[in-house]
Amino acid sequence: HEKPPRGESAEAWWRDKRYSSFKGAAAEHNLPVIIAHQLDDCVEEYVLCTMVRGYMGTIPYSNGPCIRPFRLWKRGHIEDYARRKGVPYLTDPSNNELRYKRNYVRRLVLPRLRNLNPGIHRVVENFIEQTDAMRHLEEGTGSE
């Protein structure tokens, strides 16, 4: 396995490598690549953006040829569906390492945040719907 250059964020470096592969596959097959980011991922990103990076944001629907149609589905619903239908799925073992900010937020921050606001998923869902609507208006792709 390749390692990121010294001093570079491993998370960012691995993400760039993944998206480079995704974009290559999309170009080779002339099809979009479906990324399985879901609502729990969007909540984590929302917390990181607003509390760490200092801006309002979450995971967008698309990034070049990569699309994320499951952003409004909770992880548990997707896992339940996969189990019922016999669809195999992986969990990256690095998801358990608290040295990565996303995992720290997932394991330690979000359980406490859900105690403060059990509706945090709905807050982020509303944010996604609003930002998607704004994007459609800006792009002129709103429904008529």
Protein backbone atom coordinates (compact mmCIF):
# COMPACT_ATOMS: atom_id res chain seq x y z
CA HIS A 1 0.00 0.00 0.00
CA GLU A 2 1.18 3.45 -0.86
CA LYS A 3 1.57 5.92 1.95
CA PRO A 4 0.87 9.65 1.78
CA PRO A 5 3.83 12.00 1.48
CA ARG A 6 5.28 13.12 4.78
CA GLY A 7 3.30 15.94 6.37
CA GLU A 8 0.23 15.43 4.13
CA SER A 9 -3.17 14.48 5.57
CA ALA A 10 -3.65 10.74 5.08
CA GLU A 11 -7.42 11.20 4.86
CA ALA A 12 -7.16 13.84 2.12
CA TRP A 13 -4.49 11.89 0.24
CA TRP A 14 -6.52 8.64 0.25
CA ARG A 15 -9.68 10.54 -0.77
CA ASP A 16 -7.84 12.11 -3.73
CA LYS A 17 -6.57 8.66 -4.78
CA ARG A 18 -10.09 7.16 -4.58
CA TYR A 19 -11.67 9.96 -6.61
CA SER A 20 -8.93 9.76 -9.21
CA SER A 21 -9.76 6.04 -9.63
CA PHE A 22 -13.50 6.77 -9.72
CA LYS A 23 -13.07 9.45 -12.37
CA GLY A 24 -10.89 7.14 -14.46
CA ALA A 25 -13.49 4.37 -14.30
CA ALA A 26 -16.29 6.80 -15.19
CA ALA A 27 -14.34 8.06 -18.21
CA GLU A 28 -13.44 4.54 -19.33
CA HIS A 29 -17.04 3.32 -19.22
CA ASN A 30 -18.74 6.66 -19.97
CA LEU A 31 -20.99 6.19 -16.93
CA PRO A 32 -21.34 7.94 -13.59
CA VAL A 33 -19.90 6.29 -10.50
CA ILE A 34 -22.37 5.86 -7.65
CA ILE A 35 -20.83 6.62 -4.27
CA ALA A 36 -22.60 5.16 -1.24
CA HIS A 37 -22.38 8.22 1.03
CA GLN A 38 -25.53 8.34 3.13
CA LEU A 39 -27.22 10.59 5.69
CA ASP A 40 -24.98 9.55 8.60
CA ASP A 41 -21.93 10.50 6.50
CA CYS A 42 -23.60 13.83 5.70
CA VAL A 43 -24.24 14.50 9.41
CA GLU A 44 -20.55 13.81 10.17
CA GLU A 45 -19.47 16.14 7.36
CA TYR A 46 -21.94 18.81 8.51
CA VAL A 47 -20.42 18.71 12.01
CA LEU A 48 -16.87 18.84 10.62
CA CYS A 49 -17.71 21.74 8.29
CA THR A 50 -19.59 23.85 10.81
CA MET A 51 -17.56 23.09 13.94
CA VAL A 52 -14.03 22.48 12.61
CA ARG A 53 -13.66 24.08 9.18
CA GLY A 54 -15.84 27.12 9.86
CA TYR A 55 -18.44 27.04 7.08
CA MET A 56 -21.88 25.56 6.43
CA GLY A 57 -21.61 22.45 4.33
CA THR A 58 -22.03 18.74 3.90
CA ILE A 59 -21.40 16.14 1.20
CA PRO A 60 -22.68 17.37 -2.18
CA TYR A 61 -24.79 15.24 -4.53
CA SER A 62 -22.08 15.16 -7.18
CA ASN A 63 -18.37 15.58 -7.68
CA GLY A 64 -17.60 15.40 -11.37
CA PRO A 65 -18.86 12.03 -12.64
CA CYS A 66 -19.43 10.75 -9.09
CA ILE A 67 -22.99 10.91 -7.74
CA ARG A 68 -24.39 10.19 -4.27
CA PRO A 69 -28.06 9.21 -4.53
CA PHE A 70 -28.27 7.79 -0.97
CA ARG A 71 -27.53 10.99 0.97
CA LEU A 72 -31.00 11.04 2.53
CA TRP A 73 -30.91 7.38 3.65
CA LYS A 74 -29.64 6.41 7.10
CA ARG A 75 -26.76 3.93 7.26
CA GLY A 76 -28.82 1.45 9.29
CA HIS A 77 -31.54 1.31 6.62
CA ILE A 78 -28.98 0.56 3.92
CA GLU A 79 -27.28 -2.13 6.04
CA ASP A 80 -30.66 -3.73 6.86
CA TYR A 81 -31.57 -3.79 3.17
CA ALA A 82 -28.20 -5.33 2.27
CA ARG A 83 -28.62 -8.06 4.91
CA ARG A 84 -32.19 -8.86 3.82
CA LYS A 85 -31.21 -9.07 0.14
CA GLY A 86 -27.88 -10.85 0.71
CA VAL A 87 -25.87 -7.94 -0.71
CA PRO A 88 -22.31 -8.08 0.60
CA TYR A 89 -20.74 -4.87 1.87
CA LEU A 90 -17.48 -3.86 3.49
CA THR A 91 -16.65 -1.72 6.48
CA ASP A 92 -13.23 -0.14 6.23
CA PRO A 93 -11.26 -1.16 9.34
CA SER A 94 -9.71 2.32 9.50
CA ASN A 95 -13.19 3.58 10.50
CA ASN A 96 -12.36 2.48 14.05
CA GLU A 97 -9.21 4.61 14.35
CA LEU A 98 -9.99 7.71 16.43
CA ARG A 99 -6.90 9.55 15.17
CA TYR A 100 -8.93 10.51 12.10
CA LYS A 101 -11.26 13.47 12.70
CA ARG A 102 -14.23 11.88 10.95
CA ASN A 103 -14.02 8.79 13.14
CA TYR A 104 -13.60 10.91 16.26
CA VAL A 105 -16.78 12.79 15.32
CA ARG A 106 -18.59 9.53 14.45
CA ARG A 107 -17.67 7.67 17.64
CA LEU A 108 -17.43 10.37 20.30
CA VAL A 109 -19.13 13.60 19.20
CA LEU A 110 -22.28 12.41 17.41
CA PRO A 111 -23.62 10.19 20.22
CA ARG A 112 -23.50 13.23 22.53
CA LEU A 113 -24.92 15.53 19.86
CA ARG A 114 -27.85 13.12 19.36
CA ASN A 115 -28.51 13.38 23.11
CA LEU A 116 -28.71 17.17 22.75
CA ASN A 117 -30.68 17.05 19.50
CA PRO A 118 -32.25 13.68 18.61
CA GLY A 119 -33.42 15.35 15.38
CA ILE A 120 -29.92 16.11 14.05
CA HIS A 121 -30.50 13.87 11.02
CA ARG A 122 -33.59 15.90 10.12
CA VAL A 123 -31.62 19.16 10.51
CA VAL A 124 -29.01 17.93 8.02
CA GLU A 125 -31.66 16.45 5.73
CA ASN A 126 -33.35 19.89 5.60
CA PHE A 127 -29.97 21.52 4.90
CA ILE A 128 -29.32 19.07 2.03
CA GLU A 129 -32.76 19.68 0.54
CA GLN A 130 -32.32 23.46 0.75
CA THR A 131 -28.82 23.47 -0.75
CA ASP A 132 -29.91 21.08 -3.52
CA ALA A 133 -32.87 23.35 -4.34
CA MET A 134 -30.55 26.37 -4.47
CA ARG A 135 -28.12 24.49 -6.72
CA HIS A 136 -30.94 23.56 -9.10
CA LEU A 137 -32.09 27.18 -9.23
CA GLU A 138 -28.55 28.40 -9.92
CA GLU A 139 -28.10 25.79 -12.64
CA GLY A 140 -31.55 26.41 -14.10
CA THR A 141 -32.49 22.76 -13.56
CA GLY A 142 -35.42 23.29 -11.21
CA SER A 143 -38.65 21.41 -11.91
CA GLU A 144 -41.33 23.26 -13.82
